[in-house]
Amino acid sequence: MELTLLWEQFGGPHEFWNSAVKNGRVIVYNSMDNLPNDVFGKKVRLYLKDSTAAHSSELFGVLSIPASHPERILIATGGSEQLQIDKVLIREIQRLK
């Protein structure tokens, strides 16, 4: 909730997150193998691999791992259902320090 209020105050999630990157307040994960527990349950920015576009797709939300499919990640973006993403499709995950 606090992060959502900060996003609204500072021009949305893109502006807020870009500012955090510039100020060194972001931890980046490039390998999806053995992600630490502290990346789950917190707001993150997730970049998807996309070979058809000039830039990668990005999502903001809260991550979790489904117990039945540990090769996938769930991200709650604020919609009615969580999105399920195969780990091989993820290029990078960023979280705030």
PDB file of N, CA and C in Angstrom:
ATOM      1  N   MET A   1       0.824  -1.192   0.000  1.00  0.00           N
ATOM      2  CA  MET A   1       0.000   0.000   0.000  1.00  0.00           C
ATOM      3  C   MET A   1       0.873   1.263   0.000  1.00  0.00           C
ATOM      4  N   GLU A   2       1.923   1.276   0.846  1.00  0.00           N
ATOM      5  CA  GLU A   2       2.790   2.457   0.900  1.00  0.00           C
ATOM      6  C   GLU A   2       3.470   2.714  -0.436  1.00  0.00           C
ATOM      7  N   LEU A   3       3.923   1.638  -1.097  1.00  0.00           N
ATOM      8  CA  LEU A   3       4.599   1.792  -2.379  1.00  0.00           C
ATOM      9  C   LEU A   3       3.639   2.330  -3.435  1.00  0.00           C
ATOM     10  N   THR A   4       2.395   1.885  -3.398  1.00  0.00           N
ATOM     11  CA  THR A   4       1.402   2.387  -4.347  1.00  0.00           C
ATOM     12  C   THR A   4       1.188   3.876  -4.147  1.00  0.00           C
ATOM     13  N   LEU A   5       1.145   4.345  -2.914  1.00  0.00           N
ATOM     14  CA  LEU A   5       0.999   5.773  -2.641  1.00  0.00           C
ATOM     15  C   LEU A   5       2.212   6.554  -3.131  1.00  0.00           C
ATOM     16  N   LEU A   6       3.399   5.991  -2.952  1.00  0.00           N
ATOM     17  CA  LEU A   6       4.616   6.642  -3.452  1.00  0.00           C
ATOM     18  C   LEU A   6       4.591   6.726  -4.970  1.00  0.00           C
ATOM     19  N   TRP A   7       4.103   5.675  -5.628  1.00  0.00           N
ATOM     20  CA  TRP A   7       4.011   5.688  -7.088  1.00  0.00           C
ATOM     21  C   TRP A   7       3.132   6.843  -7.550  1.00  0.00           C
ATOM     22  N   GLU A   8       1.992   7.013  -6.897  1.00  0.00           N
ATOM     23  CA  GLU A   8       1.073   8.086  -7.273  1.00  0.00           C
ATOM     24  C   GLU A   8       1.695   9.455  -7.024  1.00  0.00           C
ATOM     25  N   GLN A   9       2.458   9.575  -5.958  1.00  0.00           N
ATOM     26  CA  GLN A   9       3.077  10.844  -5.600  1.00  0.00           C
ATOM     27  C   GLN A   9       4.218  11.217  -6.550  1.00  0.00           C
ATOM     28  N   PHE A  10       4.949  10.225  -7.062  1.00  0.00           N
ATOM     29  CA  PHE A  10       6.133  10.501  -7.867  1.00  0.00           C
ATOM     30  C   PHE A  10       5.976  10.153  -9.343  1.00  0.00           C
ATOM     31  N   GLY A  11       4.771  10.213  -9.893  1.00  0.00           N
ATOM     32  CA  GLY A  11       4.582  10.061 -11.329  1.00  0.00           C
ATOM     33  C   GLY A  11       4.380   8.652 -11.838  1.00  0.00           C
ATOM     34  N   GLY A  12       3.973   7.732 -11.002  1.00  0.00           N
ATOM     35  CA  GLY A  12       3.698   6.375 -11.449  1.00  0.00           C
ATOM     36  C   GLY A  12       4.855   5.428 -11.198  1.00  0.00           C
ATOM     37  N   PRO A  13       4.608   4.129 -11.429  1.00  0.00           N
ATOM     38  CA  PRO A  13       5.620   3.124 -11.111  1.00  0.00           C
ATOM     39  C   PRO A  13       6.900   3.265 -11.932  1.00  0.00           C
ATOM     40  N   HIS A  14       6.801   3.664 -13.191  1.00  0.00           N
ATOM     41  CA  HIS A  14       8.008   3.789 -14.023  1.00  0.00           C
ATOM     42  C   HIS A  14       8.939   4.875 -13.491  1.00  0.00           C
ATOM     43  N   GLU A  15       8.401   6.036 -13.212  1.00  0.00           N
ATOM     44  CA  GLU A  15       9.215   7.140 -12.696  1.00  0.00           C
ATOM     45  C   GLU A  15       9.796   6.799 -11.332  1.00  0.00           C
ATOM     46  N   PHE A  16       8.971   6.230 -10.459  1.00  0.00           N
ATOM     47  CA  PHE A  16       9.440   5.864  -9.121  1.00  0.00           C
ATOM     48  C   PHE A  16      10.561   4.837  -9.216  1.00  0.00           C
ATOM     49  N   TRP A  17      10.361   3.794 -10.031  1.00  0.00           N
ATOM     50  CA  TRP A  17      11.344   2.726 -10.126  1.00  0.00           C
ATOM     51  C   TRP A  17      12.627   3.212 -10.789  1.00  0.00           C
ATOM     52  N   ASN A  18      12.505   4.021 -11.838  1.00  0.00           N
ATOM     53  CA  ASN A  18      13.702   4.551 -12.500  1.00  0.00           C
ATOM     54  C   ASN A  18      14.515   5.417 -11.544  1.00  0.00           C
ATOM     55  N   SER A  19      13.841   6.172 -10.685  1.00  0.00           N
ATOM     56  CA  SER A  19      14.527   6.973  -9.684  1.00  0.00           C
ATOM     57  C   SER A  19      15.252   6.074  -8.680  1.00  0.00           C
ATOM     58  N   ALA A  20      14.615   4.988  -8.274  1.00  0.00           N
ATOM     59  CA  ALA A  20      15.237   4.048  -7.335  1.00  0.00           C
ATOM     60  C   ALA A  20      16.477   3.410  -7.956  1.00  0.00           C
ATOM     61  N   VAL A  21      16.427   3.090  -9.252  1.00  0.00           N
ATOM     62  CA  VAL A  21      17.583   2.519  -9.947  1.00  0.00           C
ATOM     63  C   VAL A  21      18.728   3.528  -9.949  1.00  0.00           C
ATOM     64  N   LYS A  22      18.426   4.779 -10.297  1.00  0.00           N
ATOM     65  CA  LYS A  22      19.452   5.831 -10.348  1.00  0.00           C
ATOM     66  C   LYS A  22      20.103   6.056  -8.991  1.00  0.00           C
ATOM     67  N   ASN A  23      19.325   5.893  -7.927  1.00  0.00           N
ATOM     68  CA  ASN A  23      19.831   6.129  -6.576  1.00  0.00           C
ATOM     69  C   ASN A  23      20.408   4.873  -5.923  1.00  0.00           C
ATOM     70  N   GLY A  24      20.541   3.790  -6.678  1.00  0.00           N
ATOM     71  CA  GLY A  24      21.146   2.571  -6.148  1.00  0.00           C
ATOM     72  C   GLY A  24      20.301   1.848  -5.129  1.00  0.00           C
ATOM     73  N   ARG A  25      18.985   1.978  -5.214  1.00  0.00           N
ATOM     74  CA  ARG A  25      18.092   1.361  -4.233  1.00  0.00           C
ATOM     75  C   ARG A  25      17.408   0.104  -4.766  1.00  0.00           C
ATOM     76  N   VAL A  26      17.986  -0.512  -5.822  1.00  0.00           N
ATOM     77  CA  VAL A  26      17.367  -1.672  -6.440  1.00  0.00           C
ATOM     78  C   VAL A  26      18.361  -2.835  -6.474  1.00  0.00           C
ATOM     79  N   ILE A  27      17.867  -4.027  -6.196  1.00  0.00           N
ATOM     80  CA  ILE A  27      18.645  -5.255  -6.338  1.00  0.00           C
ATOM     81  C   ILE A  27      18.143  -5.962  -7.590  1.00  0.00           C
ATOM     82  N   VAL A  28      19.066  -6.403  -8.446  1.00  0.00           N
ATOM     83  CA  VAL A  28      18.711  -7.019  -9.724  1.00  0.00           C
ATOM     84  C   VAL A  28      19.052  -8.504  -9.698  1.00  0.00           C
ATOM     85  N   TYR A  29      18.116  -9.320 -10.171  1.00  0.00           N
ATOM     86  CA  TYR A  29      18.320 -10.764 -10.308  1.00  0.00           C
ATOM     87  C   TYR A  29      18.234 -11.102 -11.791  1.00  0.00           C
ATOM     88  N   ASN A  30      19.328 -11.627 -12.351  1.00  0.00           N
ATOM     89  CA  ASN A  30      19.354 -12.021 -13.757  1.00  0.00           C
ATOM     90  C   ASN A  30      19.211 -13.525 -13.948  1.00  0.00           C
ATOM     91  N   SER A  31      19.404 -14.289 -12.897  1.00  0.00           N
ATOM     92  CA  SER A  31      19.251 -15.733 -12.955  1.00  0.00           C
ATOM     93  C   SER A  31      17.991 -16.124 -12.191  1.00  0.00           C
ATOM     94  N   MET A  32      17.172 -16.940 -12.809  1.00  0.00           N
ATOM     95  CA  MET A  32      15.932 -17.358 -12.168  1.00  0.00           C
ATOM     96  C   MET A  32      16.120 -18.636 -11.357  1.00  0.00           C
ATOM     97  N   ASP A  33      17.332 -19.198 -11.398  1.00  0.00           N
ATOM     98  CA  ASP A  33      17.643 -20.389 -10.604  1.00  0.00           C
ATOM     99  C   ASP A  33      17.902 -19.978  -9.157  1.00  0.00           C
ATOM    100  N   ASN A  34      17.271 -20.645  -8.238  1.00  0.00           N
ATOM    101  CA  ASN A  34      17.485 -20.420  -6.803  1.00  0.00           C
ATOM    102  C   ASN A  34      17.296 -18.965  -6.392  1.00  0.00           C
ATOM    103  N   LEU A  35      16.179 -18.377  -6.767  1.00  0.00           N
ATOM    104  CA  LEU A  35      15.882 -17.009  -6.336  1.00  0.00           C
ATOM    105  C   LEU A  35      15.751 -16.976  -4.820  1.00  0.00           C
ATOM    106  N   PRO A  36      16.294 -15.951  -4.168  1.00  0.00           N
ATOM    107  CA  PRO A  36      16.184 -15.868  -2.695  1.00  0.00           C
ATOM    108  C   PRO A  36      14.743 -15.590  -2.266  1.00  0.00           C
ATOM    109  N   ASN A  37      14.419 -15.994  -1.070  1.00  0.00           N
ATOM    110  CA  ASN A  37      13.057 -15.811  -0.555  1.00  0.00           C
ATOM    111  C   ASN A  37      12.657 -14.346  -0.440  1.00  0.00           C
ATOM    112  N   ASP A  38      13.651 -13.438  -0.288  1.00  0.00           N
ATOM    113  CA  ASP A  38      13.301 -12.032  -0.093  1.00  0.00           C
ATOM    114  C   ASP A  38      12.791 -11.346  -1.364  1.00  0.00           C
ATOM    115  N   VAL A  39      12.768 -12.041  -2.497  1.00  0.00           N
ATOM    116  CA  VAL A  39      12.201 -11.462  -3.710  1.00  0.00           C
ATOM    117  C   VAL A  39      10.686 -11.727  -3.789  1.00  0.00           C
ATOM    118  N   PHE A  40      10.208 -12.681  -2.994  1.00  0.00           N
ATOM    119  CA  PHE A  40       8.793 -13.047  -3.013  1.00  0.00           C
ATOM    120  C   PHE A  40       8.014 -12.295  -1.947  1.00  0.00           C
ATOM    121  N   GLY A  41       6.782 -11.930  -2.268  1.00  0.00           N
ATOM    122  CA  GLY A  41       5.920 -11.231  -1.326  1.00  0.00           C
ATOM    123  C   GLY A  41       6.144  -9.733  -1.286  1.00  0.00           C
ATOM    124  N   LYS A  42       7.006  -9.206  -2.156  1.00  0.00           N
ATOM    125  CA  LYS A  42       7.278  -7.767  -2.212  1.00  0.00           C
ATOM    126  C   LYS A  42       7.042  -7.264  -3.623  1.00  0.00           C
ATOM    127  N   LYS A  43       6.825  -5.970  -3.759  1.00  0.00           N
ATOM    128  CA  LYS A  43       6.662  -5.377  -5.094  1.00  0.00           C
ATOM    129  C   LYS A  43       7.973  -5.482  -5.858  1.00  0.00           C
ATOM    130  N   VAL A  44       7.864  -5.879  -7.108  1.00  0.00           N
ATOM    131  CA  VAL A  44       9.030  -6.018  -7.972  1.00  0.00           C
ATOM    132  C   VAL A  44       8.702  -5.468  -9.358  1.00  0.00           C
ATOM    133  N   ARG A  45       9.756  -5.260 -10.132  1.00  0.00           N
ATOM    134  CA  ARG A  45       9.610  -4.988 -11.564  1.00  0.00           C
ATOM    135  C   ARG A  45      10.227  -6.185 -12.264  1.00  0.00           C
ATOM    136  N   LEU A  46       9.464  -6.792 -13.170  1.00  0.00           N
ATOM    137  CA  LEU A  46       9.882  -7.995 -13.849  1.00  0.00           C
ATOM    138  C   LEU A  46       9.941  -7.714 -15.350  1.00  0.00           C
ATOM    139  N   TYR A  47      11.062  -8.055 -15.975  1.00  0.00           N
ATOM    140  CA  TYR A  47      11.220  -7.899 -17.420  1.00  0.00           C
ATOM    141  C   TYR A  47      11.108  -9.267 -18.079  1.00  0.00           C
ATOM    142  N   LEU A  48      10.306  -9.351 -19.125  1.00  0.00           N
ATOM    143  CA  LEU A  48      10.176 -10.575 -19.898  1.00  0.00           C
ATOM    144  C   LEU A  48      11.084 -10.536 -21.111  1.00  0.00           C
ATOM    145  N   LYS A  49      11.600 -11.706 -21.489  1.00  0.00           N
ATOM    146  CA  LYS A  49      12.345 -11.811 -22.742  1.00  0.00           C
ATOM    147  C   LYS A  49      11.330 -11.684 -23.877  1.00  0.00           C
ATOM    148  N   ASP A  50      11.685 -10.931 -24.889  1.00  0.00           N
ATOM    149  CA  ASP A  50      10.769 -10.752 -26.018  1.00  0.00           C
ATOM    150  C   ASP A  50      11.601 -10.592 -27.283  1.00  0.00           C
ATOM    151  N   SER A  51      11.696 -11.642 -28.063  1.00  0.00           N
ATOM    152  CA  SER A  51      12.536 -11.601 -29.254  1.00  0.00           C
ATOM    153  C   SER A  51      11.882 -10.870 -30.419  1.00  0.00           C
ATOM    154  N   THR A  52      10.598 -10.569 -30.321  1.00  0.00           N
ATOM    155  CA  THR A  52       9.916  -9.926 -31.442  1.00  0.00           C
ATOM    156  C   THR A  52       9.852  -8.416 -31.311  1.00  0.00           C
ATOM    157  N   ALA A  53      10.154  -7.883 -30.159  1.00  0.00           N
ATOM    158  CA  ALA A  53      10.052  -6.439 -29.943  1.00  0.00           C
ATOM    159  C   ALA A  53      11.434  -5.833 -29.728  1.00  0.00           C
ATOM    160  N   ALA A  54      11.529  -4.534 -29.963  1.00  0.00           N
ATOM    161  CA  ALA A  54      12.798  -3.830 -29.757  1.00  0.00           C
ATOM    162  C   ALA A  54      13.123  -3.712 -28.279  1.00  0.00           C
ATOM    163  N   HIS A  55      12.128  -3.747 -27.415  1.00  0.00           N
ATOM    164  CA  HIS A  55      12.356  -3.672 -25.972  1.00  0.00           C
ATOM    165  C   HIS A  55      11.559  -4.770 -25.269  1.00  0.00           C
ATOM    166  N   SER A  56      11.960  -5.109 -24.078  1.00  0.00           N
ATOM    167  CA  SER A  56      11.295  -6.172 -23.327  1.00  0.00           C
ATOM    168  C   SER A  56      10.034  -5.660 -22.654  1.00  0.00           C
ATOM    169  N   SER A  57       9.104  -6.558 -22.480  1.00  0.00           N
ATOM    170  CA  SER A  57       7.896  -6.235 -21.732  1.00  0.00           C
ATOM    171  C   SER A  57       8.244  -6.198 -20.256  1.00  0.00           C
ATOM    172  N   GLU A  58       7.571  -5.336 -19.512  1.00  0.00           N
ATOM    173  CA  GLU A  58       7.811  -5.263 -18.082  1.00  0.00           C
ATOM    174  C   GLU A  58       6.495  -5.295 -17.335  1.00  0.00           C
ATOM    175  N   LEU A  59       6.551  -5.844 -16.133  1.00  0.00           N
ATOM    176  CA  LEU A  59       5.388  -5.941 -15.263  1.00  0.00           C
ATOM    177  C   LEU A  59       5.790  -5.470 -13.875  1.00  0.00           C
ATOM    178  N   PHE A  60       4.870  -4.848 -13.166  1.00  0.00           N
ATOM    179  CA  PHE A  60       5.057  -4.481 -11.765  1.00  0.00           C
ATOM    180  C   PHE A  60       4.065  -5.297 -10.957  1.00  0.00           C
ATOM    181  N   GLY A  61       4.521  -5.881  -9.841  1.00  0.00           N
ATOM    182  CA  GLY A  61       3.606  -6.642  -9.017  1.00  0.00           C
ATOM    183  C   GLY A  61       4.325  -7.367  -7.896  1.00  0.00           C
ATOM    184  N   VAL A  62       3.609  -8.312  -7.274  1.00  0.00           N
ATOM    185  CA  VAL A  62       4.122  -9.089  -6.149  1.00  0.00           C
ATOM    186  C   VAL A  62       4.273 -10.539  -6.608  1.00  0.00           C
ATOM    187  N   LEU A  63       5.453 -11.117  -6.375  1.00  0.00           N
ATOM    188  CA  LEU A  63       5.758 -12.472  -6.829  1.00  0.00           C
ATOM    189  C   LEU A  63       5.427 -13.542  -5.799  1.00  0.00           C
ATOM    190  N   SER A  64       5.101 -14.730  -6.315  1.00  0.00           N
ATOM    191  CA  SER A  64       4.979 -15.934  -5.498  1.00  0.00           C
ATOM    192  C   SER A  64       5.287 -17.124  -6.400  1.00  0.00           C
ATOM    193  N   ILE A  65       5.531 -18.288  -5.791  1.00  0.00           N
ATOM    194  CA  ILE A  65       5.795 -19.514  -6.548  1.00  0.00           C
ATOM    195  C   ILE A  65       4.686 -20.503  -6.229  1.00  0.00           C
ATOM    196  N   PRO A  66       4.025 -21.038  -7.270  1.00  0.00           N
ATOM    197  CA  PRO A  66       3.010 -22.063  -7.001  1.00  0.00           C
ATOM    198  C   PRO A  66       3.680 -23.370  -6.572  1.00  0.00           C
ATOM    199  N   ALA A  67       3.197 -23.986  -5.521  1.00  0.00           N
ATOM    200  CA  ALA A  67       3.796 -25.216  -5.005  1.00  0.00           C
ATOM    201  C   ALA A  67       3.744 -26.344  -6.029  1.00  0.00           C
ATOM    202  N   SER A  68       2.712 -26.352  -6.858  1.00  0.00           N
ATOM    203  CA  SER A  68       2.558 -27.436  -7.825  1.00  0.00           C
ATOM    204  C   SER A  68       3.438 -27.268  -9.064  1.00  0.00           C
ATOM    205  N   HIS A  69       3.925 -26.051  -9.338  1.00  0.00           N
ATOM    206  CA  HIS A  69       4.753 -25.775 -10.520  1.00  0.00           C
ATOM    207  C   HIS A  69       5.904 -24.844 -10.162  1.00  0.00           C
ATOM    208  N   PRO A  70       6.951 -25.340  -9.494  1.00  0.00           N
ATOM    209  CA  PRO A  70       8.053 -24.462  -9.086  1.00  0.00           C
ATOM    210  C   PRO A  70       8.864 -23.896 -10.248  1.00  0.00           C
ATOM    211  N   GLU A  71       8.645 -24.374 -11.466  1.00  0.00           N
ATOM    212  CA  GLU A  71       9.339 -23.834 -12.632  1.00  0.00           C
ATOM    213  C   GLU A  71       8.663 -22.559 -13.141  1.00  0.00           C
ATOM    214  N   ARG A  72       7.596 -22.182 -12.497  1.00  0.00           N
ATOM    215  CA  ARG A  72       6.862 -20.980 -12.886  1.00  0.00           C
ATOM    216  C   ARG A  72       6.808 -19.994 -11.731  1.00  0.00           C
ATOM    217  N   ILE A  73       6.488 -18.760 -12.077  1.00  0.00           N
ATOM    218  CA  ILE A  73       6.331 -17.702 -11.084  1.00  0.00           C
ATOM    219  C   ILE A  73       4.959 -17.077 -11.285  1.00  0.00           C
ATOM    220  N   LEU A  74       4.313 -16.744 -10.187  1.00  0.00           N
ATOM    221  CA  LEU A  74       3.052 -16.007 -10.238  1.00  0.00           C
ATOM    222  C   LEU A  74       3.342 -14.557  -9.897  1.00  0.00           C
ATOM    223  N   ILE A  75       2.709 -13.640 -10.632  1.00  0.00           N
ATOM    224  CA  ILE A  75       2.847 -12.223 -10.308  1.00  0.00           C
ATOM    225  C   ILE A  75       1.452 -11.610 -10.222  1.00  0.00           C
ATOM    226  N   ALA A  76       1.190 -10.994  -9.083  1.00  0.00           N
ATOM    227  CA  ALA A  76      -0.082 -10.292  -8.860  1.00  0.00           C
ATOM    228  C   ALA A  76       0.127  -8.840  -9.258  1.00  0.00           C
ATOM    229  N   THR A  77      -0.510  -8.429 -10.346  1.00  0.00           N
ATOM    230  CA  THR A  77      -0.319  -7.079 -10.871  1.00  0.00           C
ATOM    231  C   THR A  77      -1.450  -6.134 -10.506  1.00  0.00           C
ATOM    232  N   GLY A  78      -2.409  -6.606  -9.737  1.00  0.00           N
ATOM    233  CA  GLY A  78      -3.541  -5.772  -9.363  1.00  0.00           C
ATOM    234  C   GLY A  78      -4.804  -6.148 -10.105  1.00  0.00           C
ATOM    235  N   GLY A  79      -4.701  -7.072 -11.052  1.00  0.00           N
ATOM    236  CA  GLY A  79      -5.871  -7.565 -11.772  1.00  0.00           C
ATOM    237  C   GLY A  79      -6.614  -8.591 -10.938  1.00  0.00           C
ATOM    238  N   SER A  80      -7.645  -9.170 -11.507  1.00  0.00           N
ATOM    239  CA  SER A  80      -8.459 -10.116 -10.757  1.00  0.00           C
ATOM    240  C   SER A  80      -7.750 -11.451 -10.530  1.00  0.00           C
ATOM    241  N   GLU A  81      -6.818 -11.812 -11.409  1.00  0.00           N
ATOM    242  CA  GLU A  81      -6.088 -13.065 -11.258  1.00  0.00           C
ATOM    243  C   GLU A  81      -4.595 -12.831 -11.410  1.00  0.00           C
ATOM    244  N   GLN A  82      -3.805 -13.669 -10.768  1.00  0.00           N
ATOM    245  CA  GLN A  82      -2.351 -13.596 -10.915  1.00  0.00           C
ATOM    246  C   GLN A  82      -1.951 -14.124 -12.285  1.00  0.00           C
ATOM    247  N   LEU A  83      -0.890 -13.565 -12.828  1.00  0.00           N
ATOM    248  CA  LEU A  83      -0.339 -14.054 -14.084  1.00  0.00           C
ATOM    249  C   LEU A  83       0.677 -15.143 -13.775  1.00  0.00           C
ATOM    250  N   GLN A  84       0.647 -16.219 -14.543  1.00  0.00           N
ATOM    251  CA  GLN A  84       1.589 -17.319 -14.370  1.00  0.00           C
ATOM    252  C   GLN A  84       2.615 -17.240 -15.496  1.00  0.00           C
ATOM    253  N   ILE A  85       3.900 -17.167 -15.133  1.00  0.00           N
ATOM    254  CA  ILE A  85       4.962 -16.985 -16.118  1.00  0.00           C
ATOM    255  C   ILE A  85       6.006 -18.065 -15.926  1.00  0.00           C
ATOM    256  N   ASP A  86       6.382 -18.717 -17.012  1.00  0.00           N
ATOM    257  CA  ASP A  86       7.455 -19.708 -16.974  1.00  0.00           C
ATOM    258  C   ASP A  86       8.769 -18.971 -16.739  1.00  0.00           C
ATOM    259  N   LYS A  87       9.618 -19.486 -15.856  1.00  0.00           N
ATOM    260  CA  LYS A  87      10.879 -18.817 -15.505  1.00  0.00           C
ATOM    261  C   LYS A  87      11.786 -18.577 -16.702  1.00  0.00           C
ATOM    262  N   VAL A  88      11.735 -19.446 -17.719  1.00  0.00           N
ATOM    263  CA  VAL A  88      12.616 -19.270 -18.881  1.00  0.00           C
ATOM    264  C   VAL A  88      12.249 -18.037 -19.698  1.00  0.00           C
ATOM    265  N   LEU A  89      11.065 -17.481 -19.483  1.00  0.00           N
ATOM    266  CA  LEU A  89      10.628 -16.286 -20.209  1.00  0.00           C
ATOM    267  C   LEU A  89      11.032 -14.993 -19.511  1.00  0.00           C
ATOM    268  N   ILE A  90      11.619 -15.104 -18.314  1.00  0.00           N
ATOM    269  CA  ILE A  90      11.971 -13.927 -17.528  1.00  0.00           C
ATOM    270  C   ILE A  90      13.431 -13.565 -17.765  1.00  0.00           C
ATOM    271  N   ARG A  91      13.676 -12.312 -18.116  1.00  0.00           N
ATOM    272  CA  ARG A  91      15.037 -11.823 -18.330  1.00  0.00           C
ATOM    273  C   ARG A  91      15.634 -11.274 -17.046  1.00  0.00           C
ATOM    274  N   GLU A  92      14.820 -10.547 -16.245  1.00  0.00           N
ATOM    275  CA  GLU A  92      15.352  -9.870 -15.059  1.00  0.00           C
ATOM    276  C   GLU A  92      14.225  -9.577 -14.082  1.00  0.00           C
ATOM    277  N   ILE A  93      14.565  -9.645 -12.795  1.00  0.00           N
ATOM    278  CA  ILE A  93      13.663  -9.216 -11.724  1.00  0.00           C
ATOM    279  C   ILE A  93      14.401  -8.183 -10.892  1.00  0.00           C
ATOM    280  N   GLN A  94      13.708  -7.080 -10.578  1.00  0.00           N
ATOM    281  CA  GLN A  94      14.280  -6.041  -9.726  1.00  0.00           C
ATOM    282  C   GLN A  94      13.396  -5.889  -8.494  1.00  0.00           C
ATOM    283  N   ARG A  95      14.037  -5.712  -7.335  1.00  0.00           N
ATOM    284  CA  ARG A  95      13.289  -5.390  -6.117  1.00  0.00           C
ATOM    285  C   ARG A  95      13.984  -4.262  -5.393  1.00  0.00           C
ATOM    286  N   LEU A  96      13.243  -3.557  -4.576  1.00  0.00           N
ATOM    287  CA  LEU A  96      13.821  -2.452  -3.800  1.00  0.00           C
ATOM    288  C   LEU A  96      14.621  -2.989  -2.632  1.00  0.00           C
ATOM    289  N   LYS A  97      15.694  -2.276  -2.282  1.00  0.00           N
ATOM    290  CA  LYS A  97      16.515  -2.654  -1.118  1.00  0.00           C
ATOM    291  C   LYS A  97      15.759  -2.362   0.146  1.00  0.00           C
TER     292      LYS A  97
END
